C-alpha atoms as a PDB file:
ATOM      1  CA  MET A   1       5.021  10.619  20.157  1.00  0.00           C
ATOM      2  CA  ALA A   2       7.485  11.592  22.879  1.00  0.00           C
ATOM      3  CA  ARG A   3       6.790  10.103  26.308  1.00  0.00           C
ATOM      4  CA  LEU A   4       7.926  11.524  29.578  1.00  0.00           C
ATOM      5  CA  THR A   5       7.532   9.541  32.780  1.00  0.00           C
ATOM      6  CA  VAL A   6       7.292  11.549  35.998  1.00  0.00           C
ATOM      7  CA  ARG A   7       7.714   9.733  39.315  1.00  0.00           C
ATOM      8  CA  THR A   8       7.353  10.932  42.859  1.00  0.00           C
ATOM      9  CA  GLU A   9       7.840   8.932  46.021  1.00  0.00           C
ATOM     10  CA  ASP A  10       4.283   9.548  47.210  1.00  0.00           C
ATOM     11  CA  HIS A  11       2.411   8.949  43.921  1.00  0.00           C
ATOM     12  CA  PRO A  12       2.272   6.270  41.226  1.00  0.00           C
ATOM     13  CA  PRO A  13       4.016   7.066  37.917  1.00  0.00           C
ATOM     14  CA  TYR A  14       2.284   9.448  35.582  1.00  0.00           C
ATOM     15  CA  ILE A  15       2.808   9.464  31.862  1.00  0.00           C
ATOM     16  CA  ILE A  16       2.720  12.784  30.077  1.00  0.00           C
ATOM     17  CA  THR A  17       2.278  12.545  26.329  1.00  0.00           C
ATOM     18  CA  ARG A  18       3.221  15.386  24.038  1.00  0.00           C
ATOM     19  CA  VAL A  19       1.413  15.496  20.709  1.00  0.00           C
ATOM     20  CA  GLN A  20       3.858  16.295  17.947  1.00  0.00           C
ATOM     21  CA  HIS A  21       1.401  16.397  15.042  1.00  0.00           C
ATOM     22  CA  THR A  22      -1.980  18.043  14.944  1.00  0.00           C
ATOM     23  CA  ASP A  23      -3.028  15.297  12.489  1.00  0.00           C
ATOM     24  CA  THR A  24      -2.507  12.474  14.993  1.00  0.00           C
ATOM     25  CA  ALA A  25      -6.228  12.019  15.629  1.00  0.00           C
ATOM     26  CA  GLU A  26      -6.923  11.962  11.892  1.00  0.00           C
ATOM     27  CA  ASP A  27      -4.071   9.480  11.358  1.00  0.00           C
ATOM     28  CA  ALA A  28      -5.548   7.214  14.023  1.00  0.00           C
ATOM     29  CA  ILE A  29      -8.972   7.386  12.361  1.00  0.00           C
ATOM     30  CA  LEU A  30      -7.505   6.552   8.946  1.00  0.00           C
ATOM     31  CA  THR A  31      -5.494   3.678  10.385  1.00  0.00           C
ATOM     32  CA  GLU A  32      -8.609   2.251  12.027  1.00  0.00           C
ATOM     33  CA  ALA A  33     -10.622   2.734   8.813  1.00  0.00           C
ATOM     34  CA  LEU A  34      -7.988   0.797   6.833  1.00  0.00           C
ATOM     35  CA  ARG A  35      -8.001  -1.987   9.431  1.00  0.00           C
ATOM     36  CA  ILE A  36     -11.784  -2.271   9.239  1.00  0.00           C
ATOM     37  CA  LEU A  37     -11.819  -2.112   5.433  1.00  0.00           C
ATOM     38  CA  SER A  38      -9.139  -4.802   5.146  1.00  0.00           C
ATOM     39  CA  ALA A  39     -10.974  -7.039   7.600  1.00  0.00           C
ATOM     40  CA  ARG A  40     -14.246  -6.628   5.705  1.00  0.00           C
ATOM     41  CA  LEU A  41     -12.593  -7.348   2.375  1.00  0.00           C
ATOM     42  CA  SER A  42     -10.978 -10.501   3.772  1.00  0.00           C
ATOM     43  CA  ARG A  43     -14.188 -11.700   5.486  1.00  0.00           C
ATOM     44  CA  THR A  44     -16.540 -11.017   2.608  1.00  0.00           C
ATOM     45  CA  GLY A  45     -14.193 -12.181  -0.125  1.00  0.00           C
ATOM     46  CA  HIS A  46     -14.650  -8.858  -1.924  1.00  0.00           C
ATOM     47  CA  THR A  47     -13.672  -9.122  -5.578  1.00  0.00           C
ATOM     48  CA  PHE A  48     -11.819  -6.230  -7.098  1.00  0.00           C
ATOM     49  CA  ASP A  49     -13.628  -6.225 -10.415  1.00  0.00           C
ATOM     50  CA  SER A  50     -13.093  -2.667 -11.569  1.00  0.00           C
ATOM     51  CA  PRO A  51     -10.204  -0.219 -11.667  1.00  0.00           C
ATOM     52  CA  GLN A  52     -12.306   2.274  -9.670  1.00  0.00           C
ATOM     53  CA  SER A  53     -12.661  -0.028  -6.656  1.00  0.00           C
ATOM     54  CA  VAL A  54      -8.895  -0.645  -6.725  1.00  0.00           C
ATOM     55  CA  LYS A  55      -8.172   3.084  -7.090  1.00  0.00           C
ATOM     56  CA  SER A  56     -10.304   3.930  -4.085  1.00  0.00           C
ATOM     57  CA  TYR A  57      -8.596   1.322  -1.937  1.00  0.00           C
ATOM     58  CA  CYS A  58      -5.068   2.332  -3.035  1.00  0.00           C
ATOM     59  CA  MET A  59      -5.728   6.039  -2.475  1.00  0.00           C
ATOM     60  CA  LEU A  60      -6.949   5.309   1.027  1.00  0.00           C
ATOM     61  CA  GLU A  61      -3.960   3.087   1.735  1.00  0.00           C
ATOM     62  CA  LEU A  62      -1.119   5.221   0.282  1.00  0.00           C
ATOM     63  CA  GLY A  63      -2.489   8.523  -1.047  1.00  0.00           C
ATOM     64  CA  GLY A  64      -1.619  10.787   1.862  1.00  0.00           C
ATOM     65  CA  LEU A  65       1.913   9.580   2.621  1.00  0.00           C
ATOM     66  CA  GLU A  66       4.844  11.979   2.520  1.00  0.00           C
ATOM     67  CA  HIS A  67       7.368   9.402   1.295  1.00  0.00           C
ATOM     68  CA  GLU A  68       7.202   6.776  -1.448  1.00  0.00           C
ATOM     69  CA  VAL A  69       5.793   3.361  -0.550  1.00  0.00           C
ATOM     70  CA  PHE A  70       5.468   0.401  -2.923  1.00  0.00           C
ATOM     71  CA  GLY A  71       2.702  -2.019  -2.011  1.00  0.00           C
ATOM     72  CA  CYS A  72       1.120  -5.179  -3.362  1.00  0.00           C
ATOM     73  CA  MET A  73      -2.463  -6.316  -3.262  1.00  0.00           C
ATOM     74  CA  PHE A  74      -2.209 -10.110  -3.286  1.00  0.00           C
ATOM     75  CA  LEU A  75      -5.360 -11.663  -4.735  1.00  0.00           C
ATOM     76  CA  ASP A  76      -6.649 -15.195  -5.202  1.00  0.00           C
ATOM     77  CA  SER A  77      -7.535 -16.538  -8.653  1.00  0.00           C
ATOM     78  CA  GLN A  78     -11.010 -14.930  -8.398  1.00  0.00           C
ATOM     79  CA  HIS A  79      -9.398 -11.535  -7.644  1.00  0.00           C
ATOM     80  CA  ARG A  80     -10.489 -11.536  -4.000  1.00  0.00           C
ATOM     81  CA  MET A  81      -8.131  -9.821  -1.581  1.00  0.00           C
ATOM     82  CA  ILE A  82      -5.845 -12.151   0.333  1.00  0.00           C
ATOM     83  CA  GLU A  83      -3.619  -9.457   1.789  1.00  0.00           C
ATOM     84  CA  PHE A  84      -2.263  -5.974   1.188  1.00  0.00           C
ATOM     85  CA  ARG A  85       1.405  -5.489   2.034  1.00  0.00           C
ATOM     86  CA  ARG A  86       3.493  -2.352   2.091  1.00  0.00           C
ATOM     87  CA  MET A  87       6.581  -4.005   0.633  1.00  0.00           C
ATOM     88  CA  PHE A  88       9.122  -1.176   0.359  1.00  0.00           C
ATOM     89  CA  THR A  89       9.443   2.304   1.849  1.00  0.00           C
ATOM     90  CA  GLY A  90      11.641   4.964   0.314  1.00  0.00           C
ATOM     91  CA  THR A  91      12.302   8.671   0.313  1.00  0.00           C
ATOM     92  CA  LEU A  92      10.413  11.666  -0.975  1.00  0.00           C
ATOM     93  CA  ALA A  93      11.141  10.869  -4.615  1.00  0.00           C
ATOM     94  CA  GLN A  94      12.002   7.169  -4.909  1.00  0.00           C
ATOM     95  CA  THR A  95      11.990   3.721  -3.392  1.00  0.00           C
ATOM     96  CA  SER A  96      13.954   0.568  -4.192  1.00  0.00           C
ATOM     97  CA  VAL A  97      11.895  -2.461  -5.211  1.00  0.00           C
ATOM     98  CA  TYR A  98      13.276  -5.987  -5.177  1.00  0.00           C
ATOM     99  CA  PRO A  99      11.493  -8.499  -7.464  1.00  0.00           C
ATOM    100  CA  ARG A 100      12.766 -11.449  -5.432  1.00  0.00           C
ATOM    101  CA  GLU A 101      10.950 -10.208  -2.312  1.00  0.00           C
ATOM    102  CA  ILE A 102       7.700  -9.732  -4.224  1.00  0.00           C
ATOM    103  CA  VAL A 103       7.936 -13.272  -5.657  1.00  0.00           C
ATOM    104  CA  LYS A 104       8.578 -14.646  -2.143  1.00  0.00           C
ATOM    105  CA  ALA A 105       5.583 -12.754  -0.747  1.00  0.00           C
ATOM    106  CA  ALA A 106       3.295 -13.905  -3.572  1.00  0.00           C
ATOM    107  CA  LEU A 107       4.279 -17.521  -2.906  1.00  0.00           C
ATOM    108  CA  ALA A 108       3.783 -17.092   0.849  1.00  0.00           C
ATOM    109  CA  CYS A 109       0.261 -15.710   0.249  1.00  0.00           C
ATOM    110  CA  ASN A 110      -0.513 -18.389  -2.345  1.00  0.00           C
ATOM    111  CA  ALA A 111      -1.579 -15.542  -4.624  1.00  0.00           C
ATOM    112  CA  GLY A 112      -2.994 -16.111  -8.077  1.00  0.00           C
ATOM    113  CA  ALA A 113      -2.837 -12.451  -9.039  1.00  0.00           C
ATOM    114  CA  VAL A 114      -1.331  -9.195  -7.837  1.00  0.00           C
ATOM    115  CA  ILE A 115      -1.949  -5.478  -8.197  1.00  0.00           C
ATOM    116  CA  PHE A 116       0.987  -3.184  -7.586  1.00  0.00           C
ATOM    117  CA  THR A 117       0.559   0.275  -6.184  1.00  0.00           C
ATOM    118  CA  HIS A 118       2.891   3.061  -5.187  1.00  0.00           C
ATOM    119  CA  ASN A 119       2.449   6.684  -4.342  1.00  0.00           C
ATOM    120  CA  HIS A 120       3.987   9.864  -5.665  1.00  0.00           C
ATOM    121  CA  PRO A 121       4.165  12.350  -2.787  1.00  0.00           C
ATOM    122  CA  SER A 122       4.689  15.135  -5.359  1.00  0.00           C
ATOM    123  CA  GLY A 123       1.017  14.851  -6.269  1.00  0.00           C
ATOM    124  CA  SER A 124       1.606  13.773  -9.873  1.00  0.00           C
ATOM    125  CA  THR A 125       0.157  10.380 -10.786  1.00  0.00           C
ATOM    126  CA  GLU A 126       1.914  10.225 -14.149  1.00  0.00           C
ATOM    127  CA  PRO A 127       3.911   6.951 -14.394  1.00  0.00           C
ATOM    128  CA  SER A 128       7.610   7.390 -15.092  1.00  0.00           C
ATOM    129  CA  ARG A 129       9.684   5.318 -17.524  1.00  0.00           C
ATOM    130  CA  ALA A 130      11.236   3.678 -14.447  1.00  0.00           C
ATOM    131  CA  ASP A 131       7.733   2.737 -13.228  1.00  0.00           C
ATOM    132  CA  GLU A 132       6.973   1.159 -16.601  1.00  0.00           C
ATOM    133  CA  TYR A 133      10.253  -0.774 -16.671  1.00  0.00           C
ATOM    134  CA  LEU A 134       9.766  -1.997 -13.099  1.00  0.00           C
ATOM    135  CA  THR A 135       6.251  -3.204 -13.881  1.00  0.00           C
ATOM    136  CA  SER A 136       7.505  -5.117 -16.908  1.00  0.00           C
ATOM    137  CA  THR A 137      10.294  -6.714 -14.861  1.00  0.00           C
ATOM    138  CA  LEU A 138       7.915  -7.718 -12.070  1.00  0.00           C
ATOM    139  CA  LYS A 139       5.369  -9.078 -14.541  1.00  0.00           C
ATOM    140  CA  THR A 140       8.046 -11.303 -16.128  1.00  0.00           C
ATOM    141  CA  ALA A 141       9.285 -12.557 -12.746  1.00  0.00           C
ATOM    142  CA  LEU A 142       5.773 -13.345 -11.482  1.00  0.00           C
ATOM    143  CA  ALA A 143       4.815 -15.104 -14.723  1.00  0.00           C
ATOM    144  CA  LEU A 144       7.409 -17.766 -13.874  1.00  0.00           C
ATOM    145  CA  ILE A 145       5.337 -18.768 -10.820  1.00  0.00           C
ATOM    146  CA  ASP A 146       1.924 -18.332 -12.528  1.00  0.00           C
ATOM    147  CA  VAL A 147       0.954 -15.127 -10.705  1.00  0.00           C
ATOM    148  CA  ARG A 148      -0.891 -12.737 -12.994  1.00  0.00           C
ATOM    149  CA  VAL A 149      -0.249  -8.979 -12.816  1.00  0.00           C
ATOM    150  CA  ILE A 150      -3.648  -7.274 -13.018  1.00  0.00           C
ATOM    151  CA  ASP A 151      -2.658  -3.625 -12.711  1.00  0.00           C
ATOM    152  CA  HIS A 152      -0.206  -1.087 -11.305  1.00  0.00           C
ATOM    153  CA  MET A 153      -1.700   1.999  -9.653  1.00  0.00           C
ATOM    154  CA  VAL A 154       0.208   5.254  -9.185  1.00  0.00           C
ATOM    155  CA  VAL A 155      -1.530   7.232  -6.480  1.00  0.00           C
ATOM    156  CA  SER A 156      -1.419  10.595  -4.755  1.00  0.00           C
ATOM    157  CA  ALA A 157      -3.796  12.320  -2.380  1.00  0.00           C
ATOM    158  CA  ALA A 158      -5.537  13.881  -5.383  1.00  0.00           C
ATOM    159  CA  GLY A 159      -5.911  10.958  -7.776  1.00  0.00           C
ATOM    160  CA  CYS A 160      -4.815   7.682  -9.240  1.00  0.00           C
ATOM    161  CA  THR A 161      -3.547   6.367 -12.583  1.00  0.00           C
ATOM    162  CA  SER A 162      -4.089   2.781 -13.724  1.00  0.00           C
ATOM    163  CA  PHE A 163      -1.505   1.103 -15.971  1.00  0.00           C
ATOM    164  CA  ALA A 164      -4.220  -1.256 -17.275  1.00  0.00           C
ATOM    165  CA  GLU A 165      -6.486   1.635 -18.260  1.00  0.00           C
ATOM    166  CA  ARG A 166      -3.582   3.275 -20.058  1.00  0.00           C
ATOM    167  CA  GLY A 167      -2.673   0.075 -21.921  1.00  0.00           C
ATOM    168  CA  LEU A 168       0.741  -0.119 -20.238  1.00  0.00           C
ATOM    169  CA  LEU A 169       0.472  -3.794 -19.152  1.00  0.00           C
END
């Protein structure tokens, strides 16, 4: 949002805000909904016990983005949400993911399990060979610190694909 401050000698400063997106109000609502959902999940110790509950959460978190984002749902040993982190942000078609940073974050959260998620702004939720290789690499790295990889979700605004459901883990 662009801000323009107008001052006159006789009046206090006024701030004029120009709205650049017509979706700003919707974005604010979605941001607040995510904040409330995350707080509820943390407070209630919600267990992600089905791919559908994870899919719904991931689609809400990343589905509508216009650039790729790779995120991690850090879970305790009972698969209750500890924290969701947007770990890496990329471009329209790709993002760089660093296993070392994910291992550090898992240790910092004291996670027992993790679910990876990233979006495809193109709308396709079909995992690429690179997605499969990355998941395998991350799974190997996290196994060294006893963090279990539960799933990897590829999301778009229209849907979600689970690696676990496809037998890719």
